[in-house]
Protein backbone atom coordinates (compact mmCIF):
# COMPACT_ATOMS: atom_id res chain seq x y z
CA MET A 1 0.04 0.01 -0.03
CA LYS A 2 1.34 3.40 -0.95
CA THR A 3 1.74 6.10 1.74
CA ILE A 4 0.92 9.63 0.65
CA GLY A 5 1.89 12.50 2.83
CA VAL A 6 -0.21 15.68 3.12
CA LEU A 7 1.43 18.79 4.48
CA ALA A 8 -0.99 19.66 7.36
CA PHE A 9 -0.44 23.29 8.15
CA GLN A 10 -3.53 24.65 6.40
CA GLY A 11 -5.71 24.31 3.22
CA GLY A 12 -7.72 21.32 2.01
CA VAL A 13 -5.90 18.73 4.14
CA ILE A 14 -8.89 16.57 5.10
CA GLU A 15 -10.25 16.73 1.52
CA HIS A 16 -6.96 15.43 0.22
CA VAL A 17 -6.89 12.73 2.85
CA LYS A 18 -10.38 11.55 1.83
CA LYS A 19 -9.24 11.45 -1.85
CA ILE A 20 -6.20 9.31 -0.99
CA GLU A 21 -8.36 6.95 1.10
CA GLU A 22 -10.75 6.50 -1.77
CA LEU A 23 -7.83 5.18 -3.85
CA GLY A 24 -6.85 2.63 -1.30
CA ALA A 25 -3.64 4.33 -0.34
CA LYS A 26 -2.65 5.48 3.19
CA PRO A 27 -2.61 9.15 3.99
CA GLN A 28 0.02 10.49 6.39
CA LEU A 29 -0.39 14.03 7.90
CA VAL A 30 2.90 15.86 7.83
CA LYS A 31 3.65 18.46 10.37
CA LYS A 32 7.15 17.53 11.54
CA GLU A 33 10.22 15.79 10.15
CA GLU A 34 9.34 12.37 11.53
CA ASP A 35 6.13 12.42 9.48
CA LEU A 36 8.18 12.36 6.27
CA LYS A 37 9.57 8.83 7.02
CA GLY A 38 8.26 6.06 4.76
CA LEU A 39 6.33 8.33 2.30
CA ASP A 40 5.86 7.28 -1.35
CA GLY A 41 4.66 10.64 -2.35
CA LEU A 42 3.75 14.13 -0.83
CA ILE A 43 1.04 16.65 -1.48
CA LEU A 44 1.36 20.35 -0.69
CA PRO A 45 -2.16 21.60 -0.41
CA GLY A 46 -3.54 25.09 -1.15
CA GLY A 47 -3.91 27.74 1.46
CA GLU A 48 -1.63 30.83 1.71
CA SER A 49 1.82 30.27 0.29
CA THR A 50 3.55 32.87 2.37
CA THR A 51 2.08 31.42 5.61
CA ILE A 52 2.88 27.79 4.58
CA GLY A 53 6.45 28.79 3.47
CA LYS A 54 6.97 30.45 6.88
CA PHE A 55 5.90 27.18 8.60
CA LEU A 56 8.18 25.13 6.52
CA ILE A 57 11.08 27.33 7.41
CA GLU A 58 10.29 27.64 11.11
CA THR A 59 9.72 23.83 11.48
CA GLY A 60 12.79 22.96 9.54
CA LEU A 61 10.74 20.91 7.03
CA LYS A 62 11.85 23.00 4.09
CA ASP A 63 15.28 21.38 3.85
CA HIS A 64 13.94 17.91 4.51
CA ILE A 65 11.28 18.20 1.96
CA LEU A 66 13.76 19.58 -0.63
CA SER A 67 16.16 16.64 -0.01
CA LEU A 68 13.32 14.25 -0.62
CA ILE A 69 12.35 15.85 -3.82
CA TYR A 70 15.94 15.91 -4.99
CA GLU A 71 16.02 12.10 -4.11
CA GLY A 72 13.09 11.69 -6.44
CA ILE A 73 10.04 11.50 -4.12
CA PRO A 74 6.92 12.52 -6.09
CA VAL A 75 5.42 15.80 -4.88
CA TRP A 76 2.26 17.55 -5.89
CA GLY A 77 1.47 21.17 -5.24
CA THR A 78 -2.19 22.33 -5.53
CA CYS A 79 -2.75 26.13 -5.82
CA ALA A 80 -0.51 27.60 -3.15
CA GLY A 81 1.48 24.35 -3.21
CA ALA A 82 2.31 25.09 -6.89
CA ILE A 83 3.54 28.52 -5.86
CA LEU A 84 5.79 26.95 -3.22
CA LEU A 85 7.28 24.66 -5.87
CA SER A 86 7.94 27.38 -8.53
CA LYS A 87 11.43 28.54 -9.46
CA ASN A 88 10.04 31.89 -10.31
CA ILE A 89 7.05 33.91 -8.78
CA LYS A 90 6.38 36.78 -11.15
CA GLY A 91 7.83 39.91 -9.56
CA GLN A 92 8.63 38.12 -6.21
CA GLY A 93 11.56 35.77 -6.64
CA SER A 94 11.08 32.06 -6.04
CA GLY A 95 8.95 29.67 -3.93
CA VAL A 96 10.26 28.26 -0.67
CA LEU A 97 10.83 24.88 -2.56
CA PRO A 98 11.95 26.18 -5.91
CA VAL A 99 12.22 22.98 -7.94
CA LEU A 100 9.58 23.38 -10.73
CA ASP A 101 10.77 25.21 -13.72
CA ILE A 102 7.84 27.46 -14.30
CA VAL A 103 6.98 31.23 -13.85
CA ILE A 104 3.85 31.62 -11.76
CA GLU A 105 1.77 34.70 -10.94
CA ARG A 106 0.01 34.81 -7.53
CA ASN A 107 -3.72 35.58 -7.32
CA ALA A 108 -3.78 36.00 -11.10
CA TYR A 109 -7.48 35.84 -11.48
CA GLY A 110 -8.30 38.27 -8.67
CA SER A 111 -9.56 38.04 -5.06
CA GLN A 112 -11.46 35.52 -3.19
CA LEU A 113 -14.68 36.99 -4.74
CA ASP A 114 -13.23 36.21 -8.30
CA SER A 115 -13.00 32.55 -7.48
CA PHE A 116 -14.67 30.18 -10.04
CA LYS A 117 -15.31 26.65 -11.24
CA LYS A 118 -14.57 25.63 -14.85
CA GLU A 119 -14.69 22.48 -16.88
CA VAL A 120 -11.27 21.75 -18.35
CA PHE A 121 -10.33 19.20 -20.95
CA VAL A 122 -7.31 17.08 -19.97
CA PRO A 123 -5.91 15.35 -23.18
CA ARG A 124 -3.85 12.87 -21.17
CA PHE A 125 -6.87 11.52 -19.43
CA ASN A 126 -9.20 12.16 -22.51
CA ILE A 127 -11.82 13.52 -20.09
CA THR A 128 -13.12 16.88 -18.98
CA THR A 129 -12.70 17.54 -15.28
CA GLU A 130 -14.18 20.20 -12.92
CA CYS A 131 -11.54 22.62 -11.69
CA VAL A 132 -12.11 24.87 -8.63
CA PHE A 133 -9.99 28.14 -8.75
CA ILE A 134 -9.75 29.96 -5.48
CA ARG A 135 -7.54 33.08 -5.51
CA ALA A 136 -5.68 30.94 -8.14
CA PRO A 137 -2.20 31.47 -9.42
CA LYS A 138 -1.60 31.34 -13.16
CA ILE A 139 1.33 29.63 -14.81
CA VAL A 140 2.60 32.24 -17.30
CA GLU A 141 5.70 30.36 -18.58
CA VAL A 142 7.02 26.76 -18.68
CA ALA A 143 10.52 25.69 -19.42
CA GLU A 144 11.54 22.96 -21.71
CA GLY A 145 11.07 19.61 -20.01
CA VAL A 146 7.72 20.65 -18.29
CA GLU A 147 4.81 18.87 -19.61
CA VAL A 148 1.57 20.88 -19.79
CA LEU A 149 -1.19 18.49 -18.86
CA ALA A 150 -4.20 20.92 -18.94
CA GLU A 151 -4.85 24.57 -20.03
CA LEU A 152 -7.32 27.20 -19.61
CA GLU A 153 -5.77 29.88 -21.82
CA THR A 154 -2.59 29.23 -19.88
CA PRO A 155 -1.29 26.02 -18.18
CA VAL A 156 -3.28 24.95 -15.14
CA ALA A 157 -1.69 21.57 -14.64
CA VAL A 158 2.00 20.69 -15.26
CA LEU A 159 4.32 17.71 -14.83
CA GLN A 160 8.10 17.81 -14.51
CA GLU A 161 9.63 14.51 -13.77
CA ASN A 162 8.53 13.74 -10.09
CA ILE A 163 6.74 17.06 -9.63
CA LEU A 164 3.09 17.64 -10.42
CA ALA A 165 1.42 21.16 -10.00
CA THR A 166 -2.04 22.25 -10.42
CA THR A 167 -3.27 25.80 -9.94
CA PHE A 168 -6.73 24.61 -8.92
CA HIS A 169 -8.23 22.50 -6.16
CA PRO A 170 -9.06 19.02 -7.38
CA GLU A 171 -9.68 17.90 -3.76
CA LEU A 172 -12.83 20.22 -3.69
CA THR A 173 -14.64 18.31 -6.48
CA SER A 174 -16.53 14.94 -6.57
CA GLN A 175 -14.04 13.62 -9.09
CA ASN A 176 -10.79 11.85 -8.31
CA TYR A 177 -8.96 11.90 -11.63
CA TRP A 178 -5.96 14.03 -10.41
CA HIS A 179 -5.45 12.10 -7.15
CA SER A 180 -5.55 8.85 -9.08
CA PHE A 181 -3.06 10.15 -11.67
CA PHE A 182 -0.68 11.24 -8.83
CA VAL A 183 -0.94 8.02 -6.88
CA GLU A 184 -1.01 5.59 -9.80
CA ASN A 185 1.23 7.34 -12.34
CA VAL A 186 3.56 9.97 -10.62
CA VAL A 187 4.15 7.81 -7.54
CA LYS A 188 5.80 4.62 -8.80
């Protein structure tokens, strides 16, 4: 059975846990270094990227998570998690875990009031999925070697080796395509 960690500082933690359980995998809440042991993959949920980044630094998890990513552990950042993984945040430097070769723009669609749901076609799955965008970032540039999995004018889901990022919240829908893709295809 695969064990999937969920960074548990804030965001849709419980929703990610439920999706992982639906797939028959074991969820592991991650709040400290010991919680990283034995993981097959790690999800960085949405929330507020600056706050999550601060917790990663203060708890010492930043360096441990970076080491795991460099060793090849699959990691998935949703919304704020995608910001944390970005090598370039437009006009702001890089994320706290700068491993994903993209340029991302924070809150690109506007404020909380501008949040929305949209059906997005995903060629790799050959399906249309519901995507929930809450103060969502926008991927404005991808480097060579980064596969665009889905687009809504600009990329909304990308994959670079062991790193998956979505600018939306798949944990907030009734569908489980993205969690299934992560657990079954990204996590080997």
